């Protein structure tokens, strides 16, 4: 590959990353009920609607649905934030 080929590939990959990040960010906003506030967001809503995003990113889940909290604990049931799974390093039980 020549330097021009590499430069074109780098520009394409940077654009691809920008569009992927923008589309997923807008997707989460749209799911939260936030309306498009500029022409770029309208473009993303039109060309990267929820159906297309579900197809492109089928395993992406909202972090609130995973049960992981901001303090790093993991709940047994994502809807029950009072019950925690204690990691081995936090286990204070000294029985053997």
PDB file of N, CA and C in Angstrom:
ATOM      1  N   UNK A   1       0.837  -1.187   0.000  1.00  0.00           N
ATOM      2  CA  UNK A   1       0.000   0.000   0.000  1.00  0.00           C
ATOM      3  C   UNK A   1       0.879   1.246   0.000  1.00  0.00           C
ATOM      4  N   UNK A   2       0.404   2.256  -0.682  1.00  0.00           N
ATOM      5  CA  UNK A   2       1.148   3.513  -0.701  1.00  0.00           C
ATOM      6  C   UNK A   2       0.677   4.383   0.458  1.00  0.00           C
ATOM      7  N   UNK A   3       1.378   5.475   0.667  1.00  0.00           N
ATOM      8  CA  UNK A   3       1.000   6.408   1.731  1.00  0.00           C
ATOM      9  C   UNK A   3      -0.368   7.029   1.470  1.00  0.00           C
ATOM     10  N   UNK A   4      -0.695   7.235   0.197  1.00  0.00           N
ATOM     11  CA  UNK A   4      -2.010   7.798  -0.137  1.00  0.00           C
ATOM     12  C   UNK A   4      -3.108   6.802   0.228  1.00  0.00           C
ATOM     13  N   UNK A   5      -2.882   5.515  -0.084  1.00  0.00           N
ATOM     14  CA  UNK A   5      -3.861   4.484   0.274  1.00  0.00           C
ATOM     15  C   UNK A   5      -4.064   4.434   1.788  1.00  0.00           C
ATOM     16  N   UNK A   6      -2.983   4.505   2.526  1.00  0.00           N
ATOM     17  CA  UNK A   6      -3.072   4.468   3.986  1.00  0.00           C
ATOM     18  C   UNK A   6      -3.807   5.687   4.520  1.00  0.00           C
ATOM     19  N   UNK A   7      -3.541   6.842   3.937  1.00  0.00           N
ATOM     20  CA  UNK A   7      -4.209   8.073   4.373  1.00  0.00           C
ATOM     21  C   UNK A   7      -5.703   8.006   4.113  1.00  0.00           C
ATOM     22  N   UNK A   8      -6.082   7.496   2.949  1.00  0.00           N
ATOM     23  CA  UNK A   8      -7.507   7.358   2.630  1.00  0.00           C
ATOM     24  C   UNK A   8      -8.165   6.392   3.609  1.00  0.00           C
ATOM     25  N   UNK A   9      -7.502   5.298   3.915  1.00  0.00           N
ATOM     26  CA  UNK A   9      -8.047   4.320   4.852  1.00  0.00           C
ATOM     27  C   UNK A   9      -8.203   4.922   6.248  1.00  0.00           C
ATOM     28  N   UNK A  10      -7.230   5.690   6.687  1.00  0.00           N
ATOM     29  CA  UNK A  10      -7.299   6.332   8.003  1.00  0.00           C
ATOM     30  C   UNK A  10      -8.465   7.317   8.064  1.00  0.00           C
ATOM     31  N   UNK A  11      -8.634   8.116   7.011  1.00  0.00           N
ATOM     32  CA  UNK A  11      -9.739   9.080   6.967  1.00  0.00           C
ATOM     33  C   UNK A  11     -11.077   8.343   6.981  1.00  0.00           C
ATOM     34  N   UNK A  12     -11.186   7.265   6.198  1.00  0.00           N
ATOM     35  CA  UNK A  12     -12.416   6.488   6.170  1.00  0.00           C
ATOM     36  C   UNK A  12     -12.717   5.893   7.545  1.00  0.00           C
ATOM     37  N   UNK A  13     -11.735   5.319   8.197  1.00  0.00           N
ATOM     38  CA  UNK A  13     -11.945   4.711   9.510  1.00  0.00           C
ATOM     39  C   UNK A  13     -12.329   5.759  10.555  1.00  0.00           C
ATOM     40  N   UNK A  14     -11.723   6.924  10.487  1.00  0.00           N
ATOM     41  CA  UNK A  14     -12.063   7.999  11.421  1.00  0.00           C
ATOM     42  C   UNK A  14     -13.513   8.451  11.197  1.00  0.00           C
ATOM     43  N   UNK A  15     -13.907   8.590   9.926  1.00  0.00           N
ATOM     44  CA  UNK A  15     -15.287   8.972   9.616  1.00  0.00           C
ATOM     45  C   UNK A  15     -16.262   7.889  10.073  1.00  0.00           C
ATOM     46  N   UNK A  16     -15.913   6.635   9.838  1.00  0.00           N
ATOM     47  CA  UNK A  16     -16.752   5.514  10.250  1.00  0.00           C
ATOM     48  C   UNK A  16     -16.932   5.500  11.773  1.00  0.00           C
ATOM     49  N   UNK A  17     -15.863   5.711  12.504  1.00  0.00           N
ATOM     50  CA  UNK A  17     -15.941   5.750  13.973  1.00  0.00           C
ATOM     51  C   UNK A  17     -16.813   6.916  14.436  1.00  0.00           C
ATOM     52  N   UNK A  18     -16.637   8.080  13.820  1.00  0.00           N
ATOM     53  CA  UNK A  18     -17.438   9.251  14.173  1.00  0.00           C
ATOM     54  C   UNK A  18     -18.924   8.991  13.950  1.00  0.00           C
ATOM     55  N   UNK A  19     -19.260   8.406  12.803  1.00  0.00           N
ATOM     56  CA  UNK A  19     -20.667   8.134  12.493  1.00  0.00           C
ATOM     57  C   UNK A  19     -21.245   7.072  13.425  1.00  0.00           C
ATOM     58  N   UNK A  20     -20.466   6.048  13.742  1.00  0.00           N
ATOM     59  CA  UNK A  20     -20.953   5.000  14.650  1.00  0.00           C
ATOM     60  C   UNK A  20     -21.223   5.560  16.037  1.00  0.00           C
ATOM     61  N   UNK A  21     -20.298   6.340  16.536  1.00  0.00           N
ATOM     62  CA  UNK A  21     -20.471   6.947  17.858  1.00  0.00           C
ATOM     63  C   UNK A  21     -21.650   7.917  17.860  1.00  0.00           C
ATOM     64  N   UNK A  22     -21.755   8.738  16.830  1.00  0.00           N
ATOM     65  CA  UNK A  22     -22.859   9.700  16.739  1.00  0.00           C
ATOM     66  C   UNK A  22     -24.206   8.994  16.663  1.00  0.00           C
ATOM     67  N   UNK A  23     -24.279   7.932  15.845  1.00  0.00           N
ATOM     68  CA  UNK A  23     -25.545   7.218  15.678  1.00  0.00           C
ATOM     69  C   UNK A  23     -25.961   6.504  16.964  1.00  0.00           C
ATOM     70  N   UNK A  24     -25.010   5.894  17.669  1.00  0.00           N
ATOM     71  CA  UNK A  24     -25.380   5.206  18.909  1.00  0.00           C
ATOM     72  C   UNK A  24     -25.749   6.213  20.005  1.00  0.00           C
ATOM     73  N   UNK A  25     -25.048   7.335  20.060  1.00  0.00           N
ATOM     74  CA  UNK A  25     -25.393   8.366  21.045  1.00  0.00           C
ATOM     75  C   UNK A  25     -26.798   8.902  20.775  1.00  0.00           C
ATOM     76  N   UNK A  26     -27.094   9.177  19.495  1.00  0.00           N
ATOM     77  CA  UNK A  26     -28.417   9.693  19.130  1.00  0.00           C
ATOM     78  C   UNK A  26     -29.491   8.641  19.382  1.00  0.00           C
ATOM     79  N   UNK A  27     -29.161   7.380  19.159  1.00  0.00           N
ATOM     80  CA  UNK A  27     -30.102   6.278  19.402  1.00  0.00           C
ATOM     81  C   UNK A  27     -30.512   6.255  20.871  1.00  0.00           C
ATOM     82  N   UNK A  28     -29.539   6.374  21.778  1.00  0.00           N
ATOM     83  CA  UNK A  28     -29.869   6.366  23.207  1.00  0.00           C
ATOM     84  C   UNK A  28     -30.686   7.596  23.588  1.00  0.00           C
ATOM     85  N   UNK A  29     -30.357   8.740  22.991  1.00  0.00           N
ATOM     86  CA  UNK A  29     -31.165   9.933  23.263  1.00  0.00           C
ATOM     87  C   UNK A  29     -32.596   9.736  22.779  1.00  0.00           C
ATOM     88  N   UNK A  30     -32.732   9.179  21.586  1.00  0.00           N
ATOM     89  CA  UNK A  30     -34.056   8.963  21.009  1.00  0.00           C
ATOM     90  C   UNK A  30     -34.875   8.020  21.882  1.00  0.00           C
ATOM     91  N   UNK A  31     -34.241   6.959  22.388  1.00  0.00           N
ATOM     92  CA  UNK A  31     -34.942   6.024  23.268  1.00  0.00           C
ATOM     93  C   UNK A  31     -35.354   6.679  24.581  1.00  0.00           C
ATOM     94  N   UNK A  32     -34.612   7.697  25.002  1.00  0.00           N
ATOM     95  CA  UNK A  32     -34.952   8.445  26.221  1.00  0.00           C
ATOM     96  C   UNK A  32     -35.973   9.544  25.956  1.00  0.00           C
ATOM     97  N   UNK A  33     -36.424   9.667  24.692  1.00  0.00           N
ATOM     98  CA  UNK A  33     -37.460  10.639  24.357  1.00  0.00           C
ATOM     99  C   UNK A  33     -36.948  12.014  24.002  1.00  0.00           C
ATOM    100  N   UNK A  34     -35.652  12.161  23.757  1.00  0.00           N
ATOM    101  CA  UNK A  34     -35.081  13.464  23.408  1.00  0.00           C
ATOM    102  C   UNK A  34     -35.280  13.706  21.915  1.00  0.00           C
ATOM    103  N   UNK A  35     -35.877  14.824  21.558  1.00  0.00           N
ATOM    104  CA  UNK A  35     -36.112  15.178  20.160  1.00  0.00           C
ATOM    105  C   UNK A  35     -34.832  15.666  19.506  1.00  0.00           C
ATOM    106  N   UNK A  36     -34.760  15.515  18.196  1.00  0.00           N
ATOM    107  CA  UNK A  36     -33.617  16.022  17.435  1.00  0.00           C
ATOM    108  C   UNK A  36     -33.576  17.540  17.555  1.00  0.00           C
ATOM    109  N   UNK A  37     -32.379  18.079  17.797  1.00  0.00           N
ATOM    110  CA  UNK A  37     -32.270  19.522  18.006  1.00  0.00           C
ATOM    111  C   UNK A  37     -31.517  20.243  16.892  1.00  0.00           C
ATOM    112  N   UNK A  38     -31.019  19.504  15.898  1.00  0.00           N
ATOM    113  CA  UNK A  38     -30.342  20.141  14.771  1.00  0.00           C
ATOM    114  C   UNK A  38     -30.450  19.235  13.542  1.00  0.00           C
ATOM    115  N   UNK A  39     -29.980  19.722  12.402  1.00  0.00           N
ATOM    116  CA  UNK A  39     -30.152  18.983  11.151  1.00  0.00           C
ATOM    117  C   UNK A  39     -29.348  17.680  11.125  1.00  0.00           C
ATOM    118  N   UNK A  40     -28.212  17.638  11.794  1.00  0.00           N
ATOM    119  CA  UNK A  40     -27.432  16.396  11.833  1.00  0.00           C
ATOM    120  C   UNK A  40     -28.178  15.320  12.612  1.00  0.00           C
ATOM    121  N   UNK A  41     -28.798  15.686  13.716  1.00  0.00           N
ATOM    122  CA  UNK A  41     -29.580  14.726  14.495  1.00  0.00           C
ATOM    123  C   UNK A  41     -30.811  14.256  13.711  1.00  0.00           C
ATOM    124  N   UNK A  42     -31.414  15.149  12.935  1.00  0.00           N
ATOM    125  CA  UNK A  42     -32.534  14.754  12.071  1.00  0.00           C
ATOM    126  C   UNK A  42     -32.042  13.744  11.034  1.00  0.00           C
ATOM    127  N   UNK A  43     -30.863  13.993  10.456  1.00  0.00           N
ATOM    128  CA  UNK A  43     -30.268  13.060   9.496  1.00  0.00           C
ATOM    129  C   UNK A  43     -30.041  11.693  10.143  1.00  0.00           C
ATOM    130  N   UNK A  44     -29.486  11.688  11.344  1.00  0.00           N
ATOM    131  CA  UNK A  44     -29.249  10.425  12.047  1.00  0.00           C
ATOM    132  C   UNK A  44     -30.559   9.704  12.334  1.00  0.00           C
ATOM    133  N   UNK A  45     -31.593  10.432  12.743  1.00  0.00           N
ATOM    134  CA  UNK A  45     -32.893   9.827  13.018  1.00  0.00           C
ATOM    135  C   UNK A  45     -33.491   9.204  11.761  1.00  0.00           C
ATOM    136  N   UNK A  46     -33.280   9.849  10.624  1.00  0.00           N
ATOM    137  CA  UNK A  46     -33.847   9.359   9.371  1.00  0.00           C
ATOM    138  C   UNK A  46     -33.081   8.136   8.848  1.00  0.00           C
ATOM    139  N   UNK A  47     -31.759   8.195   8.861  1.00  0.00           N
ATOM    140  CA  UNK A  47     -30.941   7.153   8.234  1.00  0.00           C
ATOM    141  C   UNK A  47     -30.488   6.052   9.191  1.00  0.00           C
ATOM    142  N   UNK A  48     -30.544   6.309  10.489  1.00  0.00           N
ATOM    143  CA  UNK A  48     -30.153   5.320  11.494  1.00  0.00           C
ATOM    144  C   UNK A  48     -31.268   5.214  12.535  1.00  0.00           C
ATOM    145  N   UNK A  49     -32.449   4.810  12.067  1.00  0.00           N
ATOM    146  CA  UNK A  49     -33.601   4.692  12.961  1.00  0.00           C
ATOM    147  C   UNK A  49     -33.420   3.498  13.899  1.00  0.00           C
ATOM    148  N   UNK A  50     -34.365   3.337  14.822  1.00  0.00           N
ATOM    149  CA  UNK A  50     -34.239   2.287  15.840  1.00  0.00           C
ATOM    150  C   UNK A  50     -34.136   0.891  15.233  1.00  0.00           C
ATOM    151  N   UNK A  51     -34.889   0.629  14.181  1.00  0.00           N
ATOM    152  CA  UNK A  51     -34.857  -0.688  13.543  1.00  0.00           C
ATOM    153  C   UNK A  51     -33.479  -0.989  12.958  1.00  0.00           C
ATOM    154  N   UNK A  52     -32.890  -0.008  12.300  1.00  0.00           N
ATOM    155  CA  UNK A  52     -31.559  -0.201  11.715  1.00  0.00           C
ATOM    156  C   UNK A  52     -30.500  -0.358  12.810  1.00  0.00           C
ATOM    157  N   UNK A  53     -30.619   0.431  13.868  1.00  0.00           N
ATOM    158  CA  UNK A  53     -29.646   0.344  14.954  1.00  0.00           C
ATOM    159  C   UNK A  53     -29.751  -0.999  15.673  1.00  0.00           C
ATOM    160  N   UNK A  54     -30.971  -1.516  15.842  1.00  0.00           N
ATOM    161  CA  UNK A  54     -31.142  -2.843  16.437  1.00  0.00           C
ATOM    162  C   UNK A  54     -30.490  -3.913  15.565  1.00  0.00           C
ATOM    163  N   UNK A  55     -30.554  -3.734  14.254  1.00  0.00           N
ATOM    164  CA  UNK A  55     -29.922  -4.679  13.335  1.00  0.00           C
ATOM    165  C   UNK A  55     -28.397  -4.567  13.397  1.00  0.00           C
ATOM    166  N   UNK A  56     -27.881  -3.341  13.425  1.00  0.00           N
ATOM    167  CA  UNK A  56     -26.428  -3.124  13.417  1.00  0.00           C
ATOM    168  C   UNK A  56     -25.772  -3.505  14.745  1.00  0.00           C
ATOM    169  N   UNK A  57     -26.483  -3.279  15.847  1.00  0.00           N
ATOM    170  CA  UNK A  57     -25.934  -3.531  17.178  1.00  0.00           C
ATOM    171  C   UNK A  57     -26.900  -4.406  17.987  1.00  0.00           C
ATOM    172  N   UNK A  58     -27.066  -5.678  17.603  1.00  0.00           N
ATOM    173  CA  UNK A  58     -28.081  -6.508  18.247  1.00  0.00           C
ATOM    174  C   UNK A  58     -27.811  -6.841  19.711  1.00  0.00           C
ATOM    175  N   UNK A  59     -26.565  -6.789  20.155  1.00  0.00           N
ATOM    176  CA  UNK A  59     -26.229  -7.162  21.526  1.00  0.00           C
ATOM    177  C   UNK A  59     -26.033  -5.965  22.449  1.00  0.00           C
ATOM    178  N   UNK A  60     -26.257  -4.769  21.943  1.00  0.00           N
ATOM    179  CA  UNK A  60     -26.080  -3.579  22.768  1.00  0.00           C
ATOM    180  C   UNK A  60     -27.258  -3.455  23.727  1.00  0.00           C
ATOM    181  N   UNK A  61     -26.951  -3.293  25.014  1.00  0.00           N
ATOM    182  CA  UNK A  61     -27.998  -3.126  26.013  1.00  0.00           C
ATOM    183  C   UNK A  61     -27.737  -1.856  26.802  1.00  0.00           C
ATOM    184  N   UNK A  62     -28.784  -1.323  27.340  1.00  0.00           N
ATOM    185  CA  UNK A  62     -28.673  -0.152  28.197  1.00  0.00           C
ATOM    186  C   UNK A  62     -28.001  -0.573  29.493  1.00  0.00           C
ATOM    187  N   UNK A  63     -27.077   0.208  29.974  1.00  0.00           N
ATOM    188  CA  UNK A  63     -26.336  -0.150  31.182  1.00  0.00           C
ATOM    189  C   UNK A  63     -27.267  -0.323  32.376  1.00  0.00           C
ATOM    190  N   UNK A  64     -28.394   0.376  32.387  1.00  0.00           N
ATOM    191  CA  UNK A  64     -29.354   0.226  33.485  1.00  0.00           C
ATOM    192  C   UNK A  64     -29.991  -1.155  33.485  1.00  0.00           C
ATOM    193  N   UNK A  65     -30.003  -1.837  32.327  1.00  0.00           N
ATOM    194  CA  UNK A  65     -30.591  -3.165  32.227  1.00  0.00           C
ATOM    195  C   UNK A  65     -29.621  -4.270  32.628  1.00  0.00           C
ATOM    196  N   UNK A  66     -28.365  -3.954  32.845  1.00  0.00           N
ATOM    197  CA  UNK A  66     -27.362  -4.981  33.134  1.00  0.00           C
ATOM    198  C   UNK A  66     -27.230  -5.287  34.611  1.00  0.00           C
ATOM    199  N   UNK A  67     -27.645  -4.379  35.487  1.00  0.00           N
ATOM    200  CA  UNK A  67     -27.521  -4.596  36.920  1.00  0.00           C
ATOM    201  C   UNK A  67     -26.218  -4.066  37.494  1.00  0.00           C
ATOM    202  N   UNK A  68     -25.362  -3.463  36.665  1.00  0.00           N
ATOM    203  CA  UNK A  68     -24.118  -2.889  37.155  1.00  0.00           C
ATOM    204  C   UNK A  68     -24.395  -1.456  37.571  1.00  0.00           C
ATOM    205  N   UNK A  69     -23.984  -1.105  38.790  1.00  0.00           N
ATOM    206  CA  UNK A  69     -24.231   0.239  39.291  1.00  0.00           C
ATOM    207  C   UNK A  69     -22.986   1.096  39.129  1.00  0.00           C
ATOM    208  N   UNK A  70     -23.137   2.386  39.347  1.00  0.00           N
ATOM    209  CA  UNK A  70     -22.010   3.291  39.171  1.00  0.00           C
ATOM    210  C   UNK A  70     -20.917   3.087  40.215  1.00  0.00           C
ATOM    211  N   UNK A  71     -21.261   2.460  41.351  1.00  0.00           N
ATOM    212  CA  UNK A  71     -20.219   2.212  42.350  1.00  0.00           C
ATOM    213  C   UNK A  71     -19.530   0.868  42.140  1.00  0.00           C
ATOM    214  N   UNK A  72     -19.871   0.174  41.039  1.00  0.00           N
ATOM    215  CA  UNK A  72     -19.173  -1.058  40.692  1.00  0.00           C
ATOM    216  C   UNK A  72     -19.799  -2.329  41.222  1.00  0.00           C
ATOM    217  N   UNK A  73     -20.888  -2.213  41.955  1.00  0.00           N
ATOM    218  CA  UNK A  73     -21.535  -3.423  42.467  1.00  0.00           C
ATOM    219  C   UNK A  73     -22.449  -4.006  41.399  1.00  0.00           C
ATOM    220  N   UNK A  74     -22.694  -5.285  41.513  1.00  0.00           N
ATOM    221  CA  UNK A  74     -23.569  -5.976  40.572  1.00  0.00           C
ATOM    222  C   UNK A  74     -24.720  -6.556  41.367  1.00  0.00           C
ATOM    223  N   UNK A  75     -25.931  -6.196  40.997  1.00  0.00           N
ATOM    224  CA  UNK A  75     -27.086  -6.717  41.715  1.00  0.00           C
ATOM    225  C   UNK A  75     -27.498  -8.058  41.129  1.00  0.00           C
ATOM    226  N   UNK A  76     -28.115  -8.895  41.953  1.00  0.00           N
ATOM    227  CA  UNK A  76     -28.617 -10.190  41.485  1.00  0.00           C
ATOM    228  C   UNK A  76     -29.729  -9.977  40.476  1.00  0.00           C
ATOM    229  N   UNK A  77     -30.543  -9.012  40.741  1.00  0.00           N
ATOM    230  CA  UNK A  77     -31.662  -8.688  39.877  1.00  0.00           C
ATOM    231  C   UNK A  77     -31.516  -7.212  39.524  1.00  0.00           C
ATOM    232  N   UNK A  78     -31.365  -6.878  38.233  1.00  0.00           N
ATOM    233  CA  UNK A  78     -31.150  -5.478  37.875  1.00  0.00           C
ATOM    234  C   UNK A  78     -32.202  -4.522  38.399  1.00  0.00           C
ATOM    235  N   UNK A  79     -33.407  -5.016  38.689  1.00  0.00           N
ATOM    236  CA  UNK A  79     -34.436  -4.122  39.205  1.00  0.00           C
ATOM    237  C   UNK A  79     -34.351  -3.966  40.712  1.00  0.00           C
ATOM    238  N   UNK A  80     -33.575  -4.818  41.384  1.00  0.00           N
ATOM    239  CA  UNK A  80     -33.448  -4.754  42.838  1.00  0.00           C
ATOM    240  C   UNK A  80     -32.038  -4.283  43.190  1.00  0.00           C
ATOM    241  N   UNK A  81     -31.880  -2.991  43.398  1.00  0.00           N
ATOM    242  CA  UNK A  81     -30.561  -2.428  43.673  1.00  0.00           C
ATOM    243  C   UNK A  81     -30.130  -2.624  45.118  1.00  0.00           C
ATOM    244  N   UNK A  82     -31.016  -3.172  45.989  1.00  0.00           N
ATOM    245  CA  UNK A  82     -30.651  -3.379  47.382  1.00  0.00           C
ATOM    246  C   UNK A  82     -29.862  -4.667  47.588  1.00  0.00           C
ATOM    247  N   UNK A  83     -30.102  -5.676  46.761  1.00  0.00           N
ATOM    248  CA  UNK A  83     -29.370  -6.929  46.876  1.00  0.00           C
ATOM    249  C   UNK A  83     -28.121  -6.845  46.026  1.00  0.00           C
ATOM    250  N   UNK A  84     -26.989  -7.195  46.601  1.00  0.00           N
ATOM    251  CA  UNK A  84     -25.727  -7.128  45.880  1.00  0.00           C
ATOM    252  C   UNK A  84     -25.062  -8.487  45.875  1.00  0.00           C
ATOM    253  N   UNK A  85     -24.325  -8.739  44.809  1.00  0.00           N
ATOM    254  CA  UNK A  85     -23.438  -9.888  44.778  1.00  0.00           C
ATOM    255  C   UNK A  85     -22.098  -9.377  45.287  1.00  0.00           C
ATOM    256  N   UNK A  86     -21.587  -9.982  46.313  1.00  0.00           N
ATOM    257  CA  UNK A  86     -20.339  -9.521  46.912  1.00  0.00           C
ATOM    258  C   UNK A  86     -19.176 -10.186  46.187  1.00  0.00           C
ATOM    259  N   UNK A  87     -18.234  -9.383  45.749  1.00  0.00           N
ATOM    260  CA  UNK A  87     -17.064  -9.939  45.081  1.00  0.00           C
ATOM    261  C   UNK A  87     -16.179 -10.638  46.109  1.00  0.00           C
ATOM    262  N   UNK A  88     -15.349 -11.615  45.675  1.00  0.00           N
ATOM    263  CA  UNK A  88     -14.502 -12.339  46.621  1.00  0.00           C
ATOM    264  C   UNK A  88     -13.607 -11.423  47.462  1.00  0.00           C
ATOM    265  N   UNK A  89     -13.149 -10.312  46.899  1.00  0.00           N
ATOM    266  CA  UNK A  89     -12.270  -9.420  47.653  1.00  0.00           C
ATOM    267  C   UNK A  89     -13.029  -8.678  48.752  1.00  0.00           C
ATOM    268  N   UNK A  90     -14.358  -8.576  48.621  1.00  0.00           N
ATOM    269  CA  UNK A  90     -15.148  -7.874  49.631  1.00  0.00           C
ATOM    270  C   UNK A  90     -15.728  -8.825  50.661  1.00  0.00           C
ATOM    271  N   UNK A  91     -15.584 -10.119  50.452  1.00  0.00           N
ATOM    272  CA  UNK A  91     -16.178 -11.106  51.350  1.00  0.00           C
ATOM    273  C   UNK A  91     -15.458 -11.064  52.700  1.00  0.00           C
ATOM    274  N   UNK A  92     -16.228 -10.763  53.736  1.00  0.00           N
ATOM    275  CA  UNK A  92     -15.637 -10.632  55.086  1.00  0.00           C
ATOM    276  C   UNK A  92     -15.800 -11.925  55.899  1.00  0.00           C
ATOM    277  N   UNK A  93     -16.421 -12.921  55.289  1.00  0.00           N
ATOM    278  CA  UNK A  93     -16.629 -14.197  55.969  1.00  0.00           C
ATOM    279  C   UNK A  93     -15.270 -14.903  56.112  1.00  0.00           C
ATOM    280  N   UNK A  94     -14.845 -15.166  57.340  1.00  0.00           N
ATOM    281  CA  UNK A  94     -13.527 -15.771  57.583  1.00  0.00           C
ATOM    282  C   UNK A  94     -13.608 -17.270  57.804  1.00  0.00           C
ATOM    283  N   UNK A  95     -14.825 -17.851  57.695  1.00  0.00           N
ATOM    284  CA  UNK A  95     -14.956 -19.302  57.871  1.00  0.00           C
ATOM    285  C   UNK A  95     -14.277 -20.014  56.722  1.00  0.00           C
ATOM    286  N   UNK A  96     -13.669 -21.185  57.066  1.00  0.00           N
ATOM    287  CA  UNK A  96     -13.017 -21.975  56.021  1.00  0.00           C
ATOM    288  C   UNK A  96     -13.530 -23.355  55.987  1.00  0.00           C
TER     289      UNK A  96
END
